[in-house]
Amino acid sequence: MVKNTLPALFCMLLACSPASAKVTLPRLIGDGMVLQRNTKVKIWGWADAGEKVTVQFIG
């Protein structure tokens, strides 16, 4: 189920940010990514200084 929600998550993350912001995620994060249930997950990436970035997982 998580595999199917990741592309939508990243599209929403990028679509909700202002047009001037540049958010970049590492190649490791993307389609086919496997996350372990009931563990903390660190998500990282790069953005403009002071840019507010929010990550949400569905379910």
PDB file of N, CA and C in Angstrom:
ATOM      1  N   MET A   1       0.820  -1.193   0.000  1.00  0.00           N
ATOM      2  CA  MET A   1       0.000   0.000   0.000  1.00  0.00           C
ATOM      3  C   MET A   1       0.864   1.256   0.000  1.00  0.00           C
ATOM      4  N   VAL A   2       1.969   1.259   0.755  1.00  0.00           N
ATOM      5  CA  VAL A   2       2.848   2.428   0.808  1.00  0.00           C
ATOM      6  C   VAL A   2       3.456   2.685  -0.556  1.00  0.00           C
ATOM      7  N   LYS A   3       3.793   1.637  -1.277  1.00  0.00           N
ATOM      8  CA  LYS A   3       4.406   1.788  -2.594  1.00  0.00           C
ATOM      9  C   LYS A   3       3.506   2.593  -3.527  1.00  0.00           C
ATOM     10  N   ASN A   4       2.220   2.381  -3.474  1.00  0.00           N
ATOM     11  CA  ASN A   4       1.289   3.082  -4.350  1.00  0.00           C
ATOM     12  C   ASN A   4       1.073   4.529  -3.947  1.00  0.00           C
ATOM     13  N   THR A   5       1.314   4.881  -2.699  1.00  0.00           N
ATOM     14  CA  THR A   5       1.064   6.243  -2.243  1.00  0.00           C
ATOM     15  C   THR A   5       2.281   7.149  -2.389  1.00  0.00           C
ATOM     16  N   LEU A   6       3.476   6.595  -2.535  1.00  0.00           N
ATOM     17  CA  LEU A   6       4.674   7.428  -2.619  1.00  0.00           C
ATOM     18  C   LEU A   6       4.671   8.371  -3.817  1.00  0.00           C
ATOM     19  N   PRO A   7       4.345   7.918  -5.025  1.00  0.00           N
ATOM     20  CA  PRO A   7       4.328   8.883  -6.138  1.00  0.00           C
ATOM     21  C   PRO A   7       3.353  10.032  -5.906  1.00  0.00           C
ATOM     22  N   ALA A   8       2.190   9.728  -5.357  1.00  0.00           N
ATOM     23  CA  ALA A   8       1.211  10.775  -5.076  1.00  0.00           C
ATOM     24  C   ALA A   8       1.732  11.720  -4.006  1.00  0.00           C
ATOM     25  N   LEU A   9       2.403  11.184  -3.002  1.00  0.00           N
ATOM     26  CA  LEU A   9       2.970  11.996  -1.934  1.00  0.00           C
ATOM     27  C   LEU A   9       3.956  13.014  -2.485  1.00  0.00           C
ATOM     28  N   PHE A  10       4.861  12.569  -3.327  1.00  0.00           N
ATOM     29  CA  PHE A  10       5.886  13.467  -3.842  1.00  0.00           C
ATOM     30  C   PHE A  10       5.311  14.465  -4.844  1.00  0.00           C
ATOM     31  N   CYS A  11       4.319  14.071  -5.593  1.00  0.00           N
ATOM     32  CA  CYS A  11       3.654  15.020  -6.500  1.00  0.00           C
ATOM     33  C   CYS A  11       2.960  16.112  -5.700  1.00  0.00           C
ATOM     34  N   MET A  12       2.296  15.725  -4.610  1.00  0.00           N
ATOM     35  CA  MET A  12       1.626  16.715  -3.771  1.00  0.00           C
ATOM     36  C   MET A  12       2.650  17.628  -3.110  1.00  0.00           C
ATOM     37  N   LEU A  13       3.757  17.048  -2.659  1.00  0.00           N
ATOM     38  CA  LEU A  13       4.803  17.833  -2.015  1.00  0.00           C
ATOM     39  C   LEU A  13       5.340  18.894  -2.965  1.00  0.00           C
ATOM     40  N   LEU A  14       5.602  18.516  -4.185  1.00  0.00           N
ATOM     41  CA  LEU A  14       6.140  19.456  -5.156  1.00  0.00           C
ATOM     42  C   LEU A  14       5.086  20.424  -5.667  1.00  0.00           C
ATOM     43  N   ALA A  15       3.862  19.982  -5.818  1.00  0.00           N
ATOM     44  CA  ALA A  15       2.797  20.838  -6.344  1.00  0.00           C
ATOM     45  C   ALA A  15       2.356  21.893  -5.336  1.00  0.00           C
ATOM     46  N   CYS A  16       2.450  21.596  -4.061  1.00  0.00           N
ATOM     47  CA  CYS A  16       1.998  22.537  -3.034  1.00  0.00           C
ATOM     48  C   CYS A  16       3.011  23.628  -2.734  1.00  0.00           C
ATOM     49  N   SER A  17       4.232  23.468  -3.196  1.00  0.00           N
ATOM     50  CA  SER A  17       5.249  24.468  -2.910  1.00  0.00           C
ATOM     51  C   SER A  17       5.165  25.615  -3.919  1.00  0.00           C
ATOM     52  N   PRO A  18       5.589  26.813  -3.528  1.00  0.00           N
ATOM     53  CA  PRO A  18       5.558  27.942  -4.452  1.00  0.00           C
ATOM     54  C   PRO A  18       6.406  27.671  -5.690  1.00  0.00           C
ATOM     55  N   ALA A  19       6.082  28.339  -6.783  1.00  0.00           N
ATOM     56  CA  ALA A  19       6.772  28.101  -8.052  1.00  0.00           C
ATOM     57  C   ALA A  19       8.253  28.409  -7.968  1.00  0.00           C
ATOM     58  N   SER A  20       8.663  29.326  -7.094  1.00  0.00           N
ATOM     59  CA  SER A  20      10.066  29.703  -7.011  1.00  0.00           C
ATOM     60  C   SER A  20      10.901  28.709  -6.210  1.00  0.00           C
ATOM     61  N   ALA A  21      10.265  27.855  -5.437  1.00  0.00           N
ATOM     62  CA  ALA A  21      10.992  26.901  -4.602  1.00  0.00           C
ATOM     63  C   ALA A  21      11.498  25.745  -5.442  1.00  0.00           C
ATOM     64  N   LYS A  22      12.666  25.262  -5.081  1.00  0.00           N
ATOM     65  CA  LYS A  22      13.224  24.097  -5.763  1.00  0.00           C
ATOM     66  C   LYS A  22      13.502  23.034  -4.701  1.00  0.00           C
ATOM     67  N   VAL A  23      12.673  22.013  -4.677  1.00  0.00           N
ATOM     68  CA  VAL A  23      12.837  20.909  -3.739  1.00  0.00           C
ATOM     69  C   VAL A  23      13.377  19.720  -4.507  1.00  0.00           C
ATOM     70  N   THR A  24      14.456  19.153  -4.011  1.00  0.00           N
ATOM     71  CA  THR A  24      15.087  18.014  -4.673  1.00  0.00           C
ATOM     72  C   THR A  24      15.192  16.865  -3.683  1.00  0.00           C
ATOM     73  N   LEU A  25      14.778  15.687  -4.117  1.00  0.00           N
ATOM     74  CA  LEU A  25      14.871  14.488  -3.292  1.00  0.00           C
ATOM     75  C   LEU A  25      15.985  13.596  -3.823  1.00  0.00           C
ATOM     76  N   PRO A  26      16.638  12.824  -2.950  1.00  0.00           N
ATOM     77  CA  PRO A  26      17.683  11.916  -3.417  1.00  0.00           C
ATOM     78  C   PRO A  26      17.113  10.804  -4.302  1.00  0.00           C
ATOM     79  N   ARG A  27      17.931  10.227  -5.137  1.00  0.00           N
ATOM     80  CA  ARG A  27      17.475   9.176  -6.058  1.00  0.00           C
ATOM     81  C   ARG A  27      16.952   7.951  -5.322  1.00  0.00           C
ATOM     82  N   LEU A  28      17.400   7.763  -4.087  1.00  0.00           N
ATOM     83  CA  LEU A  28      16.963   6.621  -3.279  1.00  0.00           C
ATOM     84  C   LEU A  28      15.464   6.675  -2.992  1.00  0.00           C
ATOM     85  N   ILE A  29      14.915   7.881  -2.908  1.00  0.00           N
ATOM     86  CA  ILE A  29      13.498   8.063  -2.583  1.00  0.00           C
ATOM     87  C   ILE A  29      12.705   8.139  -3.879  1.00  0.00           C
ATOM     88  N   GLY A  30      11.774   7.193  -4.080  1.00  0.00           N
ATOM     89  CA  GLY A  30      10.972   7.216  -5.293  1.00  0.00           C
ATOM     90  C   GLY A  30      10.129   5.963  -5.438  1.00  0.00           C
ATOM     91  N   ASP A  31       9.657   5.731  -6.655  1.00  0.00           N
ATOM     92  CA  ASP A  31       8.840   4.558  -6.946  1.00  0.00           C
ATOM     93  C   ASP A  31       9.604   3.281  -6.600  1.00  0.00           C
ATOM     94  N   GLY A  32       8.916   2.341  -6.037  1.00  0.00           N
ATOM     95  CA  GLY A  32       9.529   1.063  -5.693  1.00  0.00           C
ATOM     96  C   GLY A  32      10.227   1.080  -4.341  1.00  0.00           C
ATOM     97  N   MET A  33      10.190   2.214  -3.674  1.00  0.00           N
ATOM     98  CA  MET A  33      10.820   2.321  -2.363  1.00  0.00           C
ATOM     99  C   MET A  33      10.040   1.475  -1.367  1.00  0.00           C
ATOM    100  N   VAL A  34      10.750   0.772  -0.506  1.00  0.00           N
ATOM    101  CA  VAL A  34      10.117  -0.084   0.497  1.00  0.00           C
ATOM    102  C   VAL A  34      10.401   0.503   1.873  1.00  0.00           C
ATOM    103  N   LEU A  35       9.343   0.689   2.644  1.00  0.00           N
ATOM    104  CA  LEU A  35       9.474   1.194   4.009  1.00  0.00           C
ATOM    105  C   LEU A  35       9.038   0.114   4.980  1.00  0.00           C
ATOM    106  N   GLN A  36       9.750   0.022   6.099  1.00  0.00           N
ATOM    107  CA  GLN A  36       9.380  -0.971   7.093  1.00  0.00           C
ATOM    108  C   GLN A  36       8.288  -0.409   8.000  1.00  0.00           C
ATOM    109  N   ARG A  37       7.324  -1.223   8.267  1.00  0.00           N
ATOM    110  CA  ARG A  37       6.194  -0.836   9.111  1.00  0.00           C
ATOM    111  C   ARG A  37       6.647  -0.623  10.551  1.00  0.00           C
ATOM    112  N   ASN A  38       5.991   0.336  11.237  1.00  0.00           N
ATOM    113  CA  ASN A  38       6.196   0.607  12.661  1.00  0.00           C
ATOM    114  C   ASN A  38       7.623   1.010  13.018  1.00  0.00           C
ATOM    115  N   THR A  39       8.307   1.682  12.127  1.00  0.00           N
ATOM    116  CA  THR A  39       9.641   2.209  12.416  1.00  0.00           C
ATOM    117  C   THR A  39       9.688   3.675  11.994  1.00  0.00           C
ATOM    118  N   LYS A  40      10.600   4.426  12.588  1.00  0.00           N
ATOM    119  CA  LYS A  40      10.791   5.808  12.197  1.00  0.00           C
ATOM    120  C   LYS A  40      11.524   5.843  10.860  1.00  0.00           C
ATOM    121  N   VAL A  41      11.118   6.758  10.004  1.00  0.00           N
ATOM    122  CA  VAL A  41      11.713   6.880   8.674  1.00  0.00           C
ATOM    123  C   VAL A  41      12.270   8.286   8.524  1.00  0.00           C
ATOM    124  N   LYS A  42      13.524   8.392   8.125  1.00  0.00           N
ATOM    125  CA  LYS A  42      14.124   9.691   7.872  1.00  0.00           C
ATOM    126  C   LYS A  42      14.017   9.984   6.382  1.00  0.00           C
ATOM    127  N   ILE A  43      13.375  11.094   6.055  1.00  0.00           N
ATOM    128  CA  ILE A  43      13.258  11.544   4.674  1.00  0.00           C
ATOM    129  C   ILE A  43      14.085  12.819   4.562  1.00  0.00           C
ATOM    130  N   TRP A  44      14.944  12.893   3.578  1.00  0.00           N
ATOM    131  CA  TRP A  44      15.797  14.056   3.425  1.00  0.00           C
ATOM    132  C   TRP A  44      15.768  14.532   1.984  1.00  0.00           C
ATOM    133  N   GLY A  45      16.293  15.711   1.803  1.00  0.00           N
ATOM    134  CA  GLY A  45      16.348  16.296   0.476  1.00  0.00           C
ATOM    135  C   GLY A  45      16.932  17.685   0.577  1.00  0.00           C
ATOM    136  N   TRP A  46      16.783  18.454  -0.467  1.00  0.00           N
ATOM    137  CA  TRP A  46      17.364  19.785  -0.522  1.00  0.00           C
ATOM    138  C   TRP A  46      16.307  20.778  -0.957  1.00  0.00           C
ATOM    139  N   ALA A  47      16.370  21.979  -0.384  1.00  0.00           N
ATOM    140  CA  ALA A  47      15.433  23.046  -0.732  1.00  0.00           C
ATOM    141  C   ALA A  47      16.139  24.380  -0.517  1.00  0.00           C
ATOM    142  N   ASP A  48      15.500  25.437  -0.971  1.00  0.00           N
ATOM    143  CA  ASP A  48      16.047  26.769  -0.753  1.00  0.00           C
ATOM    144  C   ASP A  48      16.099  27.057   0.748  1.00  0.00           C
ATOM    145  N   ALA A  49      17.066  27.870   1.154  1.00  0.00           N
ATOM    146  CA  ALA A  49      17.199  28.244   2.565  1.00  0.00           C
ATOM    147  C   ALA A  49      15.901  28.875   3.056  1.00  0.00           C
ATOM    148  N   GLY A  50      15.433  28.433   4.217  1.00  0.00           N
ATOM    149  CA  GLY A  50      14.212  28.967   4.804  1.00  0.00           C
ATOM    150  C   GLY A  50      12.926  28.387   4.230  1.00  0.00           C
ATOM    151  N   GLU A  51      13.034  27.499   3.264  1.00  0.00           N
ATOM    152  CA  GLU A  51      11.851  26.888   2.645  1.00  0.00           C
ATOM    153  C   GLU A  51      11.201  25.928   3.630  1.00  0.00           C
ATOM    154  N   LYS A  52       9.885  26.004   3.778  1.00  0.00           N
ATOM    155  CA  LYS A  52       9.147  25.098   4.643  1.00  0.00           C
ATOM    156  C   LYS A  52       8.708  23.889   3.824  1.00  0.00           C
ATOM    157  N   VAL A  53       9.096  22.707   4.281  1.00  0.00           N
ATOM    158  CA  VAL A  53       8.761  21.467   3.579  1.00  0.00           C
ATOM    159  C   VAL A  53       8.044  20.547   4.557  1.00  0.00           C
ATOM    160  N   THR A  54       6.919  19.976   4.141  1.00  0.00           N
ATOM    161  CA  THR A  54       6.149  19.059   4.966  1.00  0.00           C
ATOM    162  C   THR A  54       6.017  17.724   4.241  1.00  0.00           C
ATOM    163  N   VAL A  55       6.257  16.639   4.971  1.00  0.00           N
ATOM    164  CA  VAL A  55       6.124  15.299   4.405  1.00  0.00           C
ATOM    165  C   VAL A  55       5.037  14.580   5.179  1.00  0.00           C
ATOM    166  N   GLN A  56       4.069  14.008   4.455  1.00  0.00           N
ATOM    167  CA  GLN A  56       2.985  13.253   5.069  1.00  0.00           C
ATOM    168  C   GLN A  56       2.831  11.922   4.351  1.00  0.00           C
ATOM    169  N   PHE A  57       2.581  10.886   5.127  1.00  0.00           N
ATOM    170  CA  PHE A  57       2.308   9.575   4.567  1.00  0.00           C
ATOM    171  C   PHE A  57       0.835   9.271   4.786  1.00  0.00           C
ATOM    172  N   ILE A  58       0.208   8.709   3.792  1.00  0.00           N
ATOM    173  CA  ILE A  58      -1.190   8.317   3.913  1.00  0.00           C
ATOM    174  C   ILE A  58      -1.222   6.926   4.529  1.00  0.00           C
ATOM    175  N   GLY A  59      -1.907   6.797   5.650  1.00  0.00           N
ATOM    176  CA  GLY A  59      -1.996   5.503   6.321  1.00  0.00           C
ATOM    177  C   GLY A  59      -0.764   5.237   7.087  1.00  0.00           C
TER     178      GLY A  59
END
